[in-house]
Amino acid sequence: MEDLVESARTYAQKAHEDQVRKGKEIPYFDHVSQVGRTLSNYGFNDEIVAAGYLHDITEDVENITLESIEKEFGTTVRRLVDGASENDKSLSWKERKESTLEHLEDAPMDEVVVKVSDKVDNVRSMKQEELAQGENFWDKFNASYQKQVWYHTCLTEIVGEKIEQEDYELEGSVEGIYEELKQEVNQVFDTSYHIFVED
């Protein structure tokens, strides 16, 4: 019987096979694959790693629902995927990011680390593209560079506060993956800038 992680990887690869990353010709599966591998590298359990591979699937793939994920991978993976998703695309960028931050404040740590792994790869990709393209790289996003600074620094601070203040029992290095996020965010964004600039 195929193990949970390999099953999730194969499922995600097939689901994302015709998708590319925003503004690039790189297969979208490269991103979700890196998110899953990062979680595995930090020692998290199979359900968390599987959710890493599947974290964008209900948001970005038509006809794959949370019910589909539960049927294939169980209730815990469903919850983790749901916690990582921004499913209401009718909201503005600001509203979606505020909702994500509010959710993280109360989310269990296994949901948090899936989101952190997602952000690690996103910010690393931003760093590489900015070096290659210069400041014009930021023009392709729905939100300005200043708004990206606000979101990523707030997210990093919320995660750091949760790690300091909460008791949690989770297999894997929560502190390690958080430190990688913090390092990537500090390299890409001016973390002294915290003011959200309105539209």
C-alpha atoms as a PDB file:
ATOM      1  CA  MET A   1       0.000   0.000   0.000  1.00  0.00           C
ATOM      2  CA  GLU A   2       1.325   3.418  -0.990  1.00  0.00           C
ATOM      3  CA  ASP A   3       2.274   5.499   2.058  1.00  0.00           C
ATOM      4  CA  LEU A   4       0.466   8.699   2.937  1.00  0.00           C
ATOM      5  CA  VAL A   5       3.205  11.126   1.877  1.00  0.00           C
ATOM      6  CA  GLU A   6       3.871   9.479  -1.462  1.00  0.00           C
ATOM      7  CA  SER A   7       0.138   9.260  -2.133  1.00  0.00           C
ATOM      8  CA  ALA A   8      -0.275  12.970  -1.394  1.00  0.00           C
ATOM      9  CA  ARG A   9       2.721  13.861  -3.557  1.00  0.00           C
ATOM     10  CA  THR A  10       1.365  11.879  -6.511  1.00  0.00           C
ATOM     11  CA  TYR A  11      -2.147  13.309  -6.030  1.00  0.00           C
ATOM     12  CA  ALA A  12      -0.802  16.882  -5.960  1.00  0.00           C
ATOM     13  CA  GLN A  13       1.441  16.339  -8.979  1.00  0.00           C
ATOM     14  CA  LYS A  14      -1.500  15.152 -11.066  1.00  0.00           C
ATOM     15  CA  ALA A  15      -3.837  17.897  -9.818  1.00  0.00           C
ATOM     16  CA  HIS A  16      -1.364  20.737 -10.511  1.00  0.00           C
ATOM     17  CA  GLU A  17       0.093  19.269 -13.725  1.00  0.00           C
ATOM     18  CA  ASP A  18      -1.156  22.053 -16.034  1.00  0.00           C
ATOM     19  CA  GLN A  19      -0.435  24.950 -13.690  1.00  0.00           C
ATOM     20  CA  VAL A  20       2.589  27.260 -13.548  1.00  0.00           C
ATOM     21  CA  ARG A  21       3.720  29.738 -10.926  1.00  0.00           C
ATOM     22  CA  LYS A  22       2.521  33.317 -11.245  1.00  0.00           C
ATOM     23  CA  GLY A  23       4.450  35.193 -13.928  1.00  0.00           C
ATOM     24  CA  LYS A  24       6.739  32.224 -14.615  1.00  0.00           C
ATOM     25  CA  GLU A  25       6.931  29.048 -16.631  1.00  0.00           C
ATOM     26  CA  ILE A  26       7.943  26.983 -13.605  1.00  0.00           C
ATOM     27  CA  PRO A  27       5.477  24.158 -12.858  1.00  0.00           C
ATOM     28  CA  TYR A  28       3.325  24.965  -9.844  1.00  0.00           C
ATOM     29  CA  PHE A  29       4.009  21.508  -8.479  1.00  0.00           C
ATOM     30  CA  ASP A  30       7.593  22.624  -7.829  1.00  0.00           C
ATOM     31  CA  HIS A  31       6.248  24.933  -5.116  1.00  0.00           C
ATOM     32  CA  VAL A  32       3.983  22.440  -3.346  1.00  0.00           C
ATOM     33  CA  SER A  33       6.699  19.804  -3.608  1.00  0.00           C
ATOM     34  CA  GLN A  34       9.180  22.099  -1.889  1.00  0.00           C
ATOM     35  CA  VAL A  35       6.675  22.865   0.872  1.00  0.00           C
ATOM     36  CA  GLY A  36       6.226  19.151   1.536  1.00  0.00           C
ATOM     37  CA  ARG A  37       9.969  18.456   1.434  1.00  0.00           C
ATOM     38  CA  THR A  38      10.717  21.302   3.832  1.00  0.00           C
ATOM     39  CA  LEU A  39       8.257  19.927   6.370  1.00  0.00           C
ATOM     40  CA  SER A  40       9.797  16.479   5.975  1.00  0.00           C
ATOM     41  CA  ASN A  41      13.318  17.865   6.394  1.00  0.00           C
ATOM     42  CA  TYR A  42      12.314  19.428   9.715  1.00  0.00           C
ATOM     43  CA  GLY A  43      10.996  16.088  10.970  1.00  0.00           C
ATOM     44  CA  PHE A  44       7.243  16.671  10.969  1.00  0.00           C
ATOM     45  CA  ASN A  45       4.876  13.714  10.819  1.00  0.00           C
ATOM     46  CA  ASP A  46       3.408  12.209   7.664  1.00  0.00           C
ATOM     47  CA  GLU A  47       0.043  13.975   7.960  1.00  0.00           C
ATOM     48  CA  ILE A  48       1.727  17.376   8.167  1.00  0.00           C
ATOM     49  CA  VAL A  49       4.045  16.564   5.264  1.00  0.00           C
ATOM     50  CA  ALA A  50       1.106  15.302   3.194  1.00  0.00           C
ATOM     51  CA  ALA A  51      -0.768  18.540   3.914  1.00  0.00           C
ATOM     52  CA  GLY A  52       2.268  20.451   2.682  1.00  0.00           C
ATOM     53  CA  TYR A  53       1.953  18.780  -0.714  1.00  0.00           C
ATOM     54  CA  LEU A  54      -1.812  19.407  -0.739  1.00  0.00           C
ATOM     55  CA  HIS A  55      -1.981  22.852   0.865  1.00  0.00           C
ATOM     56  CA  ASP A  56      -3.091  24.789  -2.253  1.00  0.00           C
ATOM     57  CA  ILE A  57      -5.147  22.105  -3.921  1.00  0.00           C
ATOM     58  CA  THR A  58      -8.689  23.073  -2.895  1.00  0.00           C
ATOM     59  CA  GLU A  59      -7.890  26.735  -3.486  1.00  0.00           C
ATOM     60  CA  ASP A  60      -6.380  26.371  -6.962  1.00  0.00           C
ATOM     61  CA  VAL A  61      -7.755  23.176  -8.522  1.00  0.00           C
ATOM     62  CA  GLU A  62     -11.328  22.973  -9.744  1.00  0.00           C
ATOM     63  CA  ASN A  63     -13.475  20.096  -8.487  1.00  0.00           C
ATOM     64  CA  ILE A  64     -11.163  19.126  -5.623  1.00  0.00           C
ATOM     65  CA  THR A  65     -12.895  19.887  -2.347  1.00  0.00           C
ATOM     66  CA  LEU A  66     -12.131  19.458   1.319  1.00  0.00           C
ATOM     67  CA  GLU A  67     -14.495  16.498   1.233  1.00  0.00           C
ATOM     68  CA  SER A  68     -12.347  14.963  -1.514  1.00  0.00           C
ATOM     69  CA  ILE A  69      -9.236  15.449   0.609  1.00  0.00           C
ATOM     70  CA  GLU A  70     -10.873  13.890   3.662  1.00  0.00           C
ATOM     71  CA  LYS A  71     -11.987  10.868   1.665  1.00  0.00           C
ATOM     72  CA  GLU A  72      -8.485  10.314   0.276  1.00  0.00           C
ATOM     73  CA  PHE A  73      -6.299  11.338   3.226  1.00  0.00           C
ATOM     74  CA  GLY A  74      -8.382  11.571   6.412  1.00  0.00           C
ATOM     75  CA  THR A  75      -9.770  14.220   8.731  1.00  0.00           C
ATOM     76  CA  THR A  76      -6.443  15.555  10.045  1.00  0.00           C
ATOM     77  CA  VAL A  77      -5.038  16.225   6.572  1.00  0.00           C
ATOM     78  CA  ARG A  78      -8.337  17.866   5.628  1.00  0.00           C
ATOM     79  CA  ARG A  79      -8.099  20.186   8.643  1.00  0.00           C
ATOM     80  CA  LEU A  80      -4.497  21.086   7.860  1.00  0.00           C
ATOM     81  CA  VAL A  81      -5.276  21.832   4.213  1.00  0.00           C
ATOM     82  CA  ASP A  82      -8.284  23.918   5.228  1.00  0.00           C
ATOM     83  CA  GLY A  83      -6.141  25.864   7.672  1.00  0.00           C
ATOM     84  CA  ALA A  84      -3.626  26.699   4.936  1.00  0.00           C
ATOM     85  CA  SER A  85      -6.177  27.773   2.329  1.00  0.00           C
ATOM     86  CA  GLU A  86      -7.668  31.112   1.308  1.00  0.00           C
ATOM     87  CA  ASN A  87     -10.858  29.803  -0.224  1.00  0.00           C
ATOM     88  CA  ASP A  88     -12.938  32.999  -0.440  1.00  0.00           C
ATOM     89  CA  LYS A  89     -11.503  34.706  -3.501  1.00  0.00           C
ATOM     90  CA  SER A  90     -14.311  37.291  -3.424  1.00  0.00           C
ATOM     91  CA  LEU A  91     -12.500  39.089  -0.602  1.00  0.00           C
ATOM     92  CA  SER A  92      -9.916  41.758  -1.286  1.00  0.00           C
ATOM     93  CA  TRP A  93      -6.211  41.022  -0.853  1.00  0.00           C
ATOM     94  CA  LYS A  94      -6.195  42.932   2.445  1.00  0.00           C
ATOM     95  CA  GLU A  95      -9.256  41.093   3.769  1.00  0.00           C
ATOM     96  CA  ARG A  96      -7.812  37.697   2.855  1.00  0.00           C
ATOM     97  CA  LYS A  97      -4.495  38.422   4.535  1.00  0.00           C
ATOM     98  CA  GLU A  98      -6.149  39.828   7.644  1.00  0.00           C
ATOM     99  CA  SER A  99      -8.234  36.635   7.830  1.00  0.00           C
ATOM    100  CA  THR A 100      -5.076  34.525   7.526  1.00  0.00           C
ATOM    101  CA  LEU A 101      -3.360  36.434  10.327  1.00  0.00           C
ATOM    102  CA  GLU A 102      -6.414  36.167  12.582  1.00  0.00           C
ATOM    103  CA  HIS A 103      -6.607  32.438  11.951  1.00  0.00           C
ATOM    104  CA  LEU A 104      -2.930  31.934  12.763  1.00  0.00           C
ATOM    105  CA  GLU A 105      -3.324  33.613  16.142  1.00  0.00           C
ATOM    106  CA  ASP A 106      -5.642  30.832  17.308  1.00  0.00           C
ATOM    107  CA  ALA A 107      -4.538  27.958  15.070  1.00  0.00           C
ATOM    108  CA  PRO A 108      -2.945  24.776  16.445  1.00  0.00           C
ATOM    109  CA  MET A 109       0.772  24.495  15.802  1.00  0.00           C
ATOM    110  CA  ASP A 110       0.473  21.766  13.180  1.00  0.00           C
ATOM    111  CA  GLU A 111      -1.571  24.151  11.009  1.00  0.00           C
ATOM    112  CA  VAL A 112       0.913  26.929  11.664  1.00  0.00           C
ATOM    113  CA  VAL A 113       3.942  24.974  10.456  1.00  0.00           C
ATOM    114  CA  VAL A 114       2.231  24.115   7.154  1.00  0.00           C
ATOM    115  CA  LYS A 115       1.652  27.841   6.585  1.00  0.00           C
ATOM    116  CA  VAL A 116       5.210  28.644   7.615  1.00  0.00           C
ATOM    117  CA  SER A 117       6.637  26.143   5.141  1.00  0.00           C
ATOM    118  CA  ASP A 118       4.491  27.677   2.404  1.00  0.00           C
ATOM    119  CA  LYS A 119       5.792  31.140   3.256  1.00  0.00           C
ATOM    120  CA  VAL A 120       9.417  29.970   3.403  1.00  0.00           C
ATOM    121  CA  ASP A 121       9.237  28.798  -0.197  1.00  0.00           C
ATOM    122  CA  ASN A 122       7.248  31.829  -1.381  1.00  0.00           C
ATOM    123  CA  VAL A 123       9.677  34.309   0.141  1.00  0.00           C
ATOM    124  CA  ARG A 124      12.708  32.374  -1.087  1.00  0.00           C
ATOM    125  CA  SER A 125      11.235  32.516  -4.590  1.00  0.00           C
ATOM    126  CA  MET A 126      10.620  36.251  -4.228  1.00  0.00           C
ATOM    127  CA  LYS A 127      14.252  36.746  -3.257  1.00  0.00           C
ATOM    128  CA  GLN A 128      15.533  34.861  -6.283  1.00  0.00           C
ATOM    129  CA  GLU A 129      13.232  36.685  -8.696  1.00  0.00           C
ATOM    130  CA  GLU A 130      13.965  40.130  -7.287  1.00  0.00           C
ATOM    131  CA  LEU A 131      17.682  39.502  -7.722  1.00  0.00           C
ATOM    132  CA  ALA A 132      17.074  38.481 -11.323  1.00  0.00           C
ATOM    133  CA  GLN A 133      14.498  41.126 -12.308  1.00  0.00           C
ATOM    134  CA  GLY A 134      15.062  44.082  -9.986  1.00  0.00           C
ATOM    135  CA  GLU A 135      12.383  46.199  -8.330  1.00  0.00           C
ATOM    136  CA  ASN A 136       9.982  45.807 -11.274  1.00  0.00           C
ATOM    137  CA  PHE A 137       9.453  42.246 -10.096  1.00  0.00           C
ATOM    138  CA  TRP A 138       6.976  43.487  -7.469  1.00  0.00           C
ATOM    139  CA  ASP A 139       4.679  44.986 -10.118  1.00  0.00           C
ATOM    140  CA  LYS A 140       3.179  41.577 -10.957  1.00  0.00           C
ATOM    141  CA  PHE A 141       1.584  41.186  -7.518  1.00  0.00           C
ATOM    142  CA  ASN A 142      -1.915  42.277  -6.515  1.00  0.00           C
ATOM    143  CA  ALA A 143      -0.441  44.138  -3.555  1.00  0.00           C
ATOM    144  CA  SER A 144       2.421  46.631  -3.354  1.00  0.00           C
ATOM    145  CA  TYR A 145       5.813  45.914  -1.861  1.00  0.00           C
ATOM    146  CA  GLN A 146       4.823  47.897   1.263  1.00  0.00           C
ATOM    147  CA  LYS A 147       1.753  45.732   1.747  1.00  0.00           C
ATOM    148  CA  GLN A 148       3.856  42.596   1.274  1.00  0.00           C
ATOM    149  CA  VAL A 149       6.171  43.900   4.002  1.00  0.00           C
ATOM    150  CA  TRP A 150       3.220  44.424   6.335  1.00  0.00           C
ATOM    151  CA  TYR A 151       1.808  40.946   5.748  1.00  0.00           C
ATOM    152  CA  HIS A 152       5.022  38.948   5.984  1.00  0.00           C
ATOM    153  CA  THR A 153       6.397  40.772   9.013  1.00  0.00           C
ATOM    154  CA  CYS A 154       3.075  40.455  10.876  1.00  0.00           C
ATOM    155  CA  LEU A 155       2.870  36.765  10.036  1.00  0.00           C
ATOM    156  CA  THR A 156       6.426  36.172  11.240  1.00  0.00           C
ATOM    157  CA  GLU A 157       5.788  38.056  14.480  1.00  0.00           C
ATOM    158  CA  ILE A 158       2.572  36.128  15.198  1.00  0.00           C
ATOM    159  CA  VAL A 159       4.327  32.799  14.719  1.00  0.00           C
ATOM    160  CA  GLY A 160       7.232  33.867  16.912  1.00  0.00           C
ATOM    161  CA  GLU A 161       4.880  34.951  19.697  1.00  0.00           C
ATOM    162  CA  LYS A 162       2.976  31.657  19.519  1.00  0.00           C
ATOM    163  CA  ILE A 163       6.191  29.670  19.848  1.00  0.00           C
ATOM    164  CA  GLU A 164       7.260  31.721  22.884  1.00  0.00           C
ATOM    165  CA  GLN A 165       3.908  31.743  24.660  1.00  0.00           C
ATOM    166  CA  GLU A 166       2.244  28.411  23.900  1.00  0.00           C
ATOM    167  CA  ASP A 167       2.860  24.899  25.121  1.00  0.00           C
ATOM    168  CA  TYR A 168       2.706  22.455  22.242  1.00  0.00           C
ATOM    169  CA  GLU A 169       3.681  18.884  21.614  1.00  0.00           C
ATOM    170  CA  LEU A 170       4.600  18.344  18.011  1.00  0.00           C
ATOM    171  CA  GLU A 171       7.055  15.987  16.381  1.00  0.00           C
ATOM    172  CA  GLY A 172       9.494  18.058  14.334  1.00  0.00           C
ATOM    173  CA  SER A 173      11.483  21.268  14.708  1.00  0.00           C
ATOM    174  CA  VAL A 174       8.998  24.129  15.043  1.00  0.00           C
ATOM    175  CA  GLU A 175      11.780  26.496  16.060  1.00  0.00           C
ATOM    176  CA  GLY A 176      13.950  25.436  13.129  1.00  0.00           C
ATOM    177  CA  ILE A 177      11.372  26.109  10.441  1.00  0.00           C
ATOM    178  CA  TYR A 178      10.428  29.398  12.121  1.00  0.00           C
ATOM    179  CA  GLU A 179      14.047  30.546  12.137  1.00  0.00           C
ATOM    180  CA  GLU A 180      14.273  29.796   8.412  1.00  0.00           C
ATOM    181  CA  LEU A 181      11.154  31.874   7.790  1.00  0.00           C
ATOM    182  CA  LYS A 182      12.516  34.751   9.839  1.00  0.00           C
ATOM    183  CA  GLN A 183      15.819  34.664   7.978  1.00  0.00           C
ATOM    184  CA  GLU A 184      14.137  34.674   4.558  1.00  0.00           C
ATOM    185  CA  VAL A 185      11.736  37.497   5.501  1.00  0.00           C
ATOM    186  CA  ASN A 186      14.578  39.620   6.904  1.00  0.00           C
ATOM    187  CA  GLN A 187      16.536  39.195   3.674  1.00  0.00           C
ATOM    188  CA  VAL A 188      13.677  40.177   1.363  1.00  0.00           C
ATOM    189  CA  PHE A 189      11.737  42.798   3.298  1.00  0.00           C
ATOM    190  CA  ASP A 190      12.542  45.938   5.240  1.00  0.00           C
ATOM    191  CA  THR A 191      11.303  44.585   8.547  1.00  0.00           C
ATOM    192  CA  SER A 192      11.393  48.005  10.216  1.00  0.00           C
ATOM    193  CA  TYR A 193       8.351  48.931   8.106  1.00  0.00           C
ATOM    194  CA  HIS A 194       5.093  47.940   9.813  1.00  0.00           C
ATOM    195  CA  ILE A 195       2.558  50.492   8.535  1.00  0.00           C
ATOM    196  CA  PHE A 196      -0.139  49.125   6.296  1.00  0.00           C
ATOM    197  CA  VAL A 197      -0.633  51.434   3.341  1.00  0.00           C
ATOM    198  CA  GLU A 198      -4.274  51.723   2.302  1.00  0.00           C
ATOM    199  CA  ASP A 199      -5.364  51.483  -1.330  1.00  0.00           C
END
